[in-house]
Protein backbone atom coordinates (compact mmCIF):
# COMPACT_ATOMS: atom_id res chain seq x y z
CA MET A 1 89.95 36.33 161.01
CA LYS A 2 91.34 39.45 159.32
CA LEU A 3 93.20 40.38 162.52
CA LYS A 4 94.90 36.95 162.69
CA THR A 5 95.88 37.19 159.03
CA SER A 6 97.29 40.69 159.53
CA ILE A 7 99.29 39.57 162.56
CA SER A 8 100.61 36.55 160.65
CA ILE A 9 101.67 38.74 157.72
CA LEU A 10 103.35 41.29 160.03
CA THR A 11 105.15 38.52 161.92
CA GLY A 12 106.34 36.99 158.65
CA CYS A 13 107.58 40.37 157.43
CA LEU A 14 109.40 40.95 160.71
CA VAL A 15 111.11 37.53 160.52
CA ILE A 16 112.19 38.19 156.92
CA PHE A 17 113.43 41.67 157.86
CA LEU A 18 115.49 40.30 160.76
CA PHE A 19 116.83 37.47 158.59
CA ILE A 20 118.00 39.98 155.98
CA MET A 21 119.25 42.64 158.40
CA PHE A 22 121.08 40.41 160.92
CA PRO A 23 124.20 40.06 158.72
CA VAL A 24 124.12 43.82 158.10
CA PHE A 25 124.09 44.51 161.87
CA LEU A 26 126.99 42.10 162.39
CA SER A 27 128.92 43.77 159.57
CA ILE A 28 128.39 47.24 161.07
CA GLU A 29 129.62 46.06 164.49
CA LYS A 30 132.67 44.41 162.90
CA LYS A 31 133.51 47.58 160.94
CA LYS A 32 133.19 49.63 164.15
CA ASP A 33 135.63 47.31 165.94
CA GLU A 34 138.04 47.44 162.99
CA TYR A 35 137.78 51.24 162.93
CA VAL A 36 138.59 51.57 166.62
CA THR A 37 141.48 49.11 166.51
CA SER A 38 142.92 50.91 163.47
CA PHE A 39 144.07 53.68 165.82
CA LYS A 40 147.61 52.79 166.68
CA GLY A 41 149.11 56.02 167.86
CA SER A 42 152.20 57.42 166.24
CA ASN A 43 155.88 57.89 166.83
CA PHE A 44 156.44 60.94 168.98
CA LEU A 45 158.89 62.62 171.33
CA LEU A 46 157.48 64.84 174.06
CA LYS A 47 158.30 65.67 177.68
CA ASP A 48 156.28 64.93 180.74
CA MET A 49 155.57 67.32 183.59
CA ASN A 50 158.91 66.38 185.21
CA ASN A 51 160.89 67.06 182.03
CA ASN A 52 161.38 63.35 181.28
CA ILE A 53 161.35 62.31 177.63
CA ILE A 54 158.21 60.42 176.64
CA THR A 55 157.93 58.41 173.43
CA GLN A 56 155.59 55.73 172.12
CA GLU A 57 157.84 53.25 173.98
CA SER A 58 156.64 54.82 177.24
CA PHE A 59 153.18 53.41 176.52
CA LYS A 60 154.46 49.83 176.62
CA GLY A 61 153.90 47.77 179.74
CA PRO A 62 151.35 45.43 181.28
CA LEU A 63 148.57 48.03 181.00
CA THR A 64 148.62 51.70 180.05
CA ALA A 65 145.72 54.13 180.16
CA ILE A 66 145.93 57.33 178.12
CA PHE A 67 143.47 60.17 178.51
CA PHE A 68 143.46 63.34 176.43
CA GLY A 69 142.05 66.36 178.26
CA PHE A 70 142.95 69.78 179.61
CA THR A 71 143.34 71.37 183.03
CA ASN A 72 140.70 74.09 182.51
CA CYS A 73 138.04 71.48 181.69
CA PRO A 74 135.00 72.19 183.85
CA ASP A 75 133.56 68.68 184.11
CA VAL A 76 134.49 65.62 182.02
CA CYS A 77 138.27 65.71 182.56
CA PRO A 78 138.31 66.03 186.36
CA MET A 79 135.44 63.54 186.70
CA THR A 80 137.20 60.99 184.46
CA LEU A 81 140.54 61.37 186.26
CA ASN A 82 138.80 61.13 189.63
CA LYS A 83 137.09 57.92 188.49
CA MET A 84 140.43 56.49 187.35
CA ASP A 85 141.91 57.50 190.72
CA ILE A 86 139.19 55.57 192.58
CA VAL A 87 139.43 52.57 190.25
CA LEU A 88 143.19 52.33 190.69
CA ASP A 89 142.77 52.36 194.47
CA LYS A 90 140.46 49.33 194.15
CA LEU A 91 143.01 47.32 192.15
CA GLU A 92 145.28 44.89 193.95
CA ASN A 93 147.99 45.24 191.31
CA LYS A 94 147.72 48.94 190.45
CA ALA A 95 151.51 49.11 190.07
CA ASN A 96 150.98 47.37 186.72
CA VAL A 97 148.90 50.28 185.38
CA LYS A 98 150.39 53.52 184.04
CA VAL A 99 148.04 56.46 183.49
CA PHE A 100 149.00 59.27 181.13
CA PHE A 101 147.11 62.57 180.99
CA ILE A 102 147.91 64.28 177.68
CA SER A 103 146.87 67.90 177.30
CA VAL A 104 144.86 68.95 174.25
CA ASP A 105 145.50 72.55 175.36
CA PRO A 106 149.29 72.87 175.33
CA ASP A 107 149.09 76.67 174.99
CA ARG A 108 147.79 76.95 178.58
CA ASP A 109 148.88 73.60 180.01
CA THR A 110 152.56 74.05 180.78
CA PRO A 111 154.41 71.26 182.62
CA GLU A 112 154.04 73.22 185.88
CA VAL A 113 150.29 73.71 185.39
CA ILE A 114 149.77 70.01 184.64
CA LYS A 115 151.93 68.94 187.59
CA ASN A 116 149.90 71.15 189.93
CA TYR A 117 146.61 69.88 188.46
CA LEU A 118 147.54 66.21 188.78
CA SER A 119 148.73 66.69 192.36
CA ASN A 120 145.02 66.81 193.30
CA PHE A 121 144.75 63.06 192.68
CA ASP A 122 146.04 60.32 194.98
CA ASN A 123 147.65 58.20 192.27
CA SER A 124 150.67 59.17 190.21
CA PHE A 125 149.35 60.20 186.82
CA ILE A 126 151.93 61.23 184.25
CA GLY A 127 151.12 64.55 182.59
CA ILE A 128 152.29 65.27 179.06
CA THR A 129 152.31 68.48 177.09
CA GLY A 130 154.36 69.94 174.27
CA LYS A 131 154.23 71.91 171.06
CA PRO A 132 150.67 72.19 169.74
CA GLU A 133 151.51 70.60 166.39
CA LYS A 134 153.10 67.55 168.06
CA ILE A 135 150.20 67.16 170.49
CA PHE A 136 147.75 67.46 167.57
CA LEU A 137 149.46 64.66 165.64
CA LEU A 138 149.48 62.45 168.74
CA TYR A 139 145.82 62.83 169.64
CA GLN A 140 144.77 62.57 166.01
CA SER A 141 146.66 59.26 165.70
CA TRP A 142 144.48 57.88 168.52
CA GLY A 143 141.24 59.09 166.91
CA ILE A 144 140.71 61.93 169.39
CA ILE A 145 138.86 64.98 168.10
CA SER A 146 139.47 68.36 169.71
CA LYS A 147 138.26 71.86 168.84
CA LYS A 148 138.58 75.24 170.51
CA ILE A 149 135.27 77.03 171.08
CA PHE A 150 135.77 80.77 171.52
CA SER A 151 133.46 83.05 173.50
CA GLU A 152 132.79 86.71 172.66
CA ASN A 153 135.44 87.92 175.11
CA GLY A 154 138.17 85.84 173.45
CA ASP A 155 138.35 83.12 176.10
CA TYR A 156 137.97 79.56 174.91
CA ASN A 157 136.88 76.15 176.03
CA ILE A 158 137.76 72.91 174.27
CA ASP A 159 135.34 70.30 173.02
CA HIS A 160 137.09 66.96 172.74
CA SER A 161 136.37 63.26 172.65
CA SER A 162 137.12 61.76 176.03
CA PRO A 163 137.69 58.01 176.14
CA VAL A 164 140.32 56.49 178.37
CA ILE A 165 142.27 54.38 175.89
CA LEU A 166 143.70 51.17 177.31
CA LEU A 167 146.86 49.71 175.81
CA LYS A 168 148.23 46.26 176.51
CA ASP A 169 151.96 46.11 175.76
CA GLY A 170 151.60 49.36 173.80
CA LYS A 171 148.78 48.11 171.58
CA TYR A 172 145.13 49.12 171.68
CA ALA A 173 143.07 46.87 173.96
CA ALA A 174 139.87 48.73 174.91
CA THR A 175 138.35 52.02 175.98
CA ILE A 176 136.64 53.22 179.11
CA SER A 177 133.99 55.83 178.47
CA HIS A 178 133.64 58.82 180.75
CA ARG A 179 130.04 57.58 181.14
CA ASP A 180 131.12 54.19 182.52
CA ASP A 181 130.65 53.93 186.26
CA ILE A 182 133.39 52.81 188.64
CA LYS A 183 132.21 49.19 188.71
CA LYS A 184 132.23 48.85 184.92
CA SER A 185 135.57 50.69 184.60
CA LEU A 186 137.11 48.37 187.19
CA LYS A 187 135.78 45.31 185.35
CA ILE A 188 137.30 46.53 182.07
CA LEU A 189 140.69 47.19 183.67
CA LYS A 190 140.76 43.80 185.44
CA LYS A 191 140.01 42.05 182.16
CA TYR A 192 143.34 43.22 180.74
CA LEU A 193 145.54 42.85 183.83
């Protein structure tokens, strides 16, 4: 009898807890969505790896993917770009998707270095670099965090957030995580094409 009473009390408490907390969970999810969509980029003027001028207008189009990374990245950047390369090959209308690779390491990533790096992929990714202060303002406007981590010998690596940001007509639409597999990434892209 005591066991049934205890179970009934626990069940009642759980129901009350869920009833009270459900609106809180919904509110947290809504605030997260609002936070992500608050990133709108910024006005900028940079040059791509072919010396073409790139501005925020360059991000307009049916679907644009922007990825902030660096050419000396040992894992996440090449894996993410490789995934995007495979996903684009699986799209029937890949001509409607522009992919920009924007360096968070402009000190080392010259236009020539980026052009050489991106030549390893089958699809035509557009590489962007520029003055560190301009690059900083651009990636900060999209909510990207980046920090140099120095080793004892003076070399450095860069820790950075690594979503692929999808823009529809120049406005934020969604993100693809570097953890998303090819199937999920393809599904996300198709949703906005």
